[in-house]
Amino acid sequence: MRDAKTQEEKIRDEKILTIPNLISLFRLLLIPVFIFQFVTAQSQRDMYIAAAILAVSALSDLIDGKIARHFHQITRLGVILDPVADKLTHISAAVCLSMKYPLMYFVTIILILKEGYMLIKGVKSIRSGNSLQKAEWFGKACTVVVFCIFLFLMIVWNINRMISDVLIIVSAAALIFSWISYIKVYKSMS
């Protein structure tokens, strides 16, 4: 009698509808709700609601990871679904904020290029038989900085242009730092 299951048996037995995966799906469903709320906002109150939707997405991101690790519900689907929900949420928020803050287009471009790079490297890593690169501390720090700035720019809608530009530049710098750091990690894996 064998004690260890083969990889194929483990994959076949892997549950798809885990709580973390459902939370990630919920976050994906929040994206069009957030975009609609942001685009149709006609008052500061409407913008607070958009910011609250984005905050719920960010908090649920923290929760799904903790649940997955604590209850051993890490799945291959979740490893893909969670970062996809993160990236699409970031890009959606950046595009929406670009409507109000023109400098945010720069951040959106950096974000798309960085995530495109990460996607290409992730696919290459999987094809070569390696696992996906886990989020590093600098990636997590970047996410916190960018989310906080995005939320702040939504909540304080009539902010001084110089202050908003400085915050947008800080978010761009965080993204560039994270991107360069991941480039180094991927190079060391080669």
Protein backbone atom coordinates (compact mmCIF):
# COMPACT_ATOMS: atom_id res chain seq x y z
CA MET A 1 0.00 0.00 0.00
CA ARG A 2 1.35 3.43 -0.91
CA ASP A 3 1.39 6.24 1.61
CA ALA A 4 1.99 9.10 -0.77
CA LYS A 5 -0.40 10.08 -3.53
CA THR A 6 0.96 10.74 -6.97
CA GLN A 7 0.92 14.33 -8.21
CA GLU A 8 -1.92 13.43 -10.60
CA GLU A 9 -4.03 12.06 -7.74
CA LYS A 10 -3.39 15.17 -5.65
CA ILE A 11 -4.48 17.43 -8.52
CA ARG A 12 -7.59 15.35 -9.13
CA ASP A 13 -8.46 15.49 -5.40
CA GLU A 14 -7.82 19.22 -5.15
CA LYS A 15 -10.95 21.17 -4.29
CA ILE A 16 -11.81 24.15 -6.45
CA LEU A 17 -14.58 25.71 -4.38
CA THR A 18 -12.55 26.61 -1.33
CA ILE A 19 -13.30 29.69 0.76
CA PRO A 20 -10.14 31.49 -0.44
CA ASN A 21 -11.01 30.78 -4.09
CA LEU A 22 -14.56 32.05 -3.56
CA ILE A 23 -13.17 35.22 -1.97
CA SER A 24 -10.89 35.72 -4.98
CA LEU A 25 -13.89 35.27 -7.29
CA PHE A 26 -15.78 37.81 -5.17
CA ARG A 27 -12.89 40.25 -5.64
CA LEU A 28 -13.07 39.74 -9.40
CA LEU A 29 -16.80 40.46 -9.30
CA LEU A 30 -16.14 43.65 -7.33
CA ILE A 31 -14.08 45.11 -10.19
CA PRO A 32 -17.00 46.02 -12.49
CA VAL A 33 -18.97 47.22 -9.45
CA PHE A 34 -16.07 49.49 -8.48
CA ILE A 35 -15.64 50.79 -12.04
CA PHE A 36 -19.35 51.53 -12.37
CA GLN A 37 -19.44 53.31 -9.01
CA PHE A 38 -16.35 55.36 -9.83
CA VAL A 39 -17.38 56.33 -13.36
CA THR A 40 -20.92 57.31 -12.36
CA ALA A 41 -19.89 59.13 -9.15
CA GLN A 42 -21.48 62.57 -8.96
CA SER A 43 -20.63 63.50 -5.40
CA GLN A 44 -18.02 63.01 -2.74
CA ARG A 45 -20.34 60.47 -1.11
CA ASP A 46 -20.33 58.43 -4.34
CA MET A 47 -16.54 58.53 -4.33
CA TYR A 48 -16.49 57.32 -0.71
CA ILE A 49 -18.56 54.33 -1.84
CA ALA A 50 -16.08 53.61 -4.66
CA ALA A 51 -13.22 53.83 -2.15
CA ALA A 52 -15.09 51.52 0.23
CA ILE A 53 -15.51 48.94 -2.56
CA LEU A 54 -11.77 49.13 -3.25
CA ALA A 55 -11.03 48.82 0.49
CA VAL A 56 -13.27 45.74 0.76
CA SER A 57 -11.34 44.19 -2.12
CA ALA A 58 -8.01 44.94 -0.42
CA LEU A 59 -9.17 43.56 2.95
CA SER A 60 -10.63 40.43 1.38
CA ASP A 61 -7.26 39.90 -0.32
CA LEU A 62 -5.62 39.76 3.11
CA ILE A 63 -8.32 37.47 4.46
CA ASP A 64 -8.24 34.91 1.64
CA GLY A 65 -4.49 34.44 1.98
CA LYS A 66 -4.68 33.94 5.73
CA ILE A 67 -7.54 31.45 5.39
CA ALA A 68 -5.73 29.54 2.63
CA ARG A 69 -2.58 29.17 4.72
CA HIS A 70 -4.27 28.53 8.06
CA PHE A 71 -6.73 25.90 6.80
CA HIS A 72 -4.36 24.40 4.20
CA GLN A 73 -6.64 25.44 1.34
CA ILE A 74 -3.91 26.57 -1.03
CA THR A 75 -4.86 25.36 -4.50
CA ARG A 76 -3.39 25.70 -7.96
CA LEU A 77 -6.48 27.69 -8.97
CA GLY A 78 -6.04 29.99 -5.98
CA VAL A 79 -2.36 30.55 -6.74
CA ILE A 80 -3.44 31.92 -10.13
CA LEU A 81 -6.80 33.50 -9.21
CA ASP A 82 -5.54 35.58 -6.28
CA PRO A 83 -2.84 37.52 -8.16
CA VAL A 84 -5.11 37.94 -11.20
CA ALA A 85 -7.74 39.56 -8.96
CA ASP A 86 -5.02 41.78 -7.44
CA LYS A 87 -3.60 42.91 -10.76
CA LEU A 88 -6.95 43.56 -12.42
CA THR A 89 -8.10 45.53 -9.37
CA HIS A 90 -4.91 47.65 -9.40
CA ILE A 91 -5.15 48.34 -13.11
CA SER A 92 -8.86 49.16 -12.92
CA ALA A 93 -8.27 51.61 -10.07
CA ALA A 94 -5.35 53.25 -11.89
CA VAL A 95 -7.35 53.65 -15.10
CA CYS A 96 -10.30 55.12 -13.19
CA LEU A 97 -8.07 57.54 -11.27
CA SER A 98 -6.49 58.61 -14.58
CA MET A 99 -9.81 60.29 -15.40
CA LYS A 100 -9.25 62.73 -12.56
CA TYR A 101 -5.45 62.82 -12.30
CA PRO A 102 -3.67 62.92 -15.71
CA LEU A 103 -0.31 61.93 -14.18
CA MET A 104 -1.95 58.64 -13.18
CA TYR A 105 -1.71 57.52 -16.83
CA PHE A 106 2.05 57.19 -16.22
CA VAL A 107 1.36 54.90 -13.24
CA THR A 108 -1.12 52.89 -15.31
CA ILE A 109 1.50 52.30 -18.02
CA ILE A 110 4.12 51.26 -15.45
CA LEU A 111 1.61 48.97 -13.79
CA ILE A 112 0.63 47.29 -17.06
CA LEU A 113 4.28 46.84 -18.12
CA LYS A 114 5.28 45.47 -14.71
CA GLU A 115 2.37 43.04 -14.57
CA GLY A 116 2.96 42.01 -18.19
CA TYR A 117 6.57 41.22 -17.31
CA MET A 118 5.44 39.25 -14.25
CA LEU A 119 2.92 37.32 -16.35
CA ILE A 120 5.51 36.40 -18.98
CA LYS A 121 8.02 35.32 -16.33
CA GLY A 122 5.32 33.36 -14.48
CA VAL A 123 4.30 31.47 -17.62
CA LYS A 124 7.96 30.73 -18.47
CA SER A 125 8.53 29.52 -14.92
CA ILE A 126 5.56 27.14 -15.08
CA ARG A 127 6.57 25.85 -18.52
CA SER A 128 10.07 25.08 -17.27
CA GLY A 129 8.61 23.01 -14.44
CA ASN A 130 9.08 25.56 -11.66
CA SER A 131 6.35 26.94 -9.45
CA LEU A 132 5.08 30.49 -9.66
CA GLN A 133 7.22 33.07 -7.88
CA LYS A 134 5.61 33.88 -4.55
CA ALA A 135 5.05 37.48 -3.58
CA GLU A 136 8.15 38.93 -2.00
CA TRP A 137 8.20 41.54 0.77
CA PHE A 138 8.86 44.33 -1.73
CA GLY A 139 5.86 43.26 -3.82
CA LYS A 140 3.63 43.24 -0.76
CA ALA A 141 4.98 46.62 0.39
CA CYS A 142 4.36 48.05 -3.08
CA THR A 143 0.77 46.77 -3.01
CA VAL A 144 0.13 48.44 0.36
CA VAL A 145 1.65 51.75 -0.76
CA VAL A 146 -0.22 51.81 -4.07
CA PHE A 147 -3.57 50.82 -2.53
CA CYS A 148 -3.24 53.41 0.23
CA ILE A 149 -2.42 56.16 -2.26
CA PHE A 150 -5.27 55.12 -4.57
CA LEU A 151 -7.72 55.11 -1.66
CA PHE A 152 -6.45 58.47 -0.42
CA LEU A 153 -6.85 60.03 -3.88
CA MET A 154 -10.47 58.82 -3.94
CA ILE A 155 -11.35 59.90 -0.43
CA VAL A 156 -9.69 63.32 -0.62
CA TRP A 157 -11.16 64.13 -4.04
CA ASN A 158 -10.39 67.86 -4.07
CA ILE A 159 -6.76 67.52 -3.05
CA ASN A 160 -4.15 70.11 -4.04
CA ARG A 161 -2.68 69.20 -7.44
CA MET A 162 0.92 69.31 -6.20
CA ILE A 163 0.12 66.91 -3.35
CA SER A 164 -1.71 64.51 -5.67
CA ASP A 165 1.20 64.60 -8.13
CA VAL A 166 3.70 63.79 -5.36
CA LEU A 167 1.56 60.85 -4.20
CA ILE A 168 1.22 59.58 -7.76
CA ILE A 169 5.01 59.81 -8.23
CA VAL A 170 5.47 57.87 -4.96
CA SER A 171 3.16 55.13 -6.26
CA ALA A 172 5.11 55.06 -9.55
CA ALA A 173 8.39 54.80 -7.62
CA ALA A 174 7.03 51.93 -5.51
CA LEU A 175 5.97 50.07 -8.66
CA ILE A 176 9.34 50.62 -10.35
CA PHE A 177 11.22 49.51 -7.21
CA SER A 178 9.10 46.36 -6.99
CA TRP A 179 9.53 45.64 -10.71
CA ILE A 180 13.32 46.02 -10.58
CA SER A 181 13.45 43.82 -7.48
CA TYR A 182 11.45 41.09 -9.23
CA ILE A 183 13.72 41.34 -12.28
CA LYS A 184 16.66 40.60 -9.96
CA VAL A 185 14.82 37.64 -8.42
CA TYR A 186 14.01 36.16 -11.83
CA LYS A 187 17.58 36.68 -13.04
CA SER A 188 18.93 34.83 -10.00
CA MET A 189 16.62 31.90 -10.84
CA SER A 190 18.07 31.61 -14.38
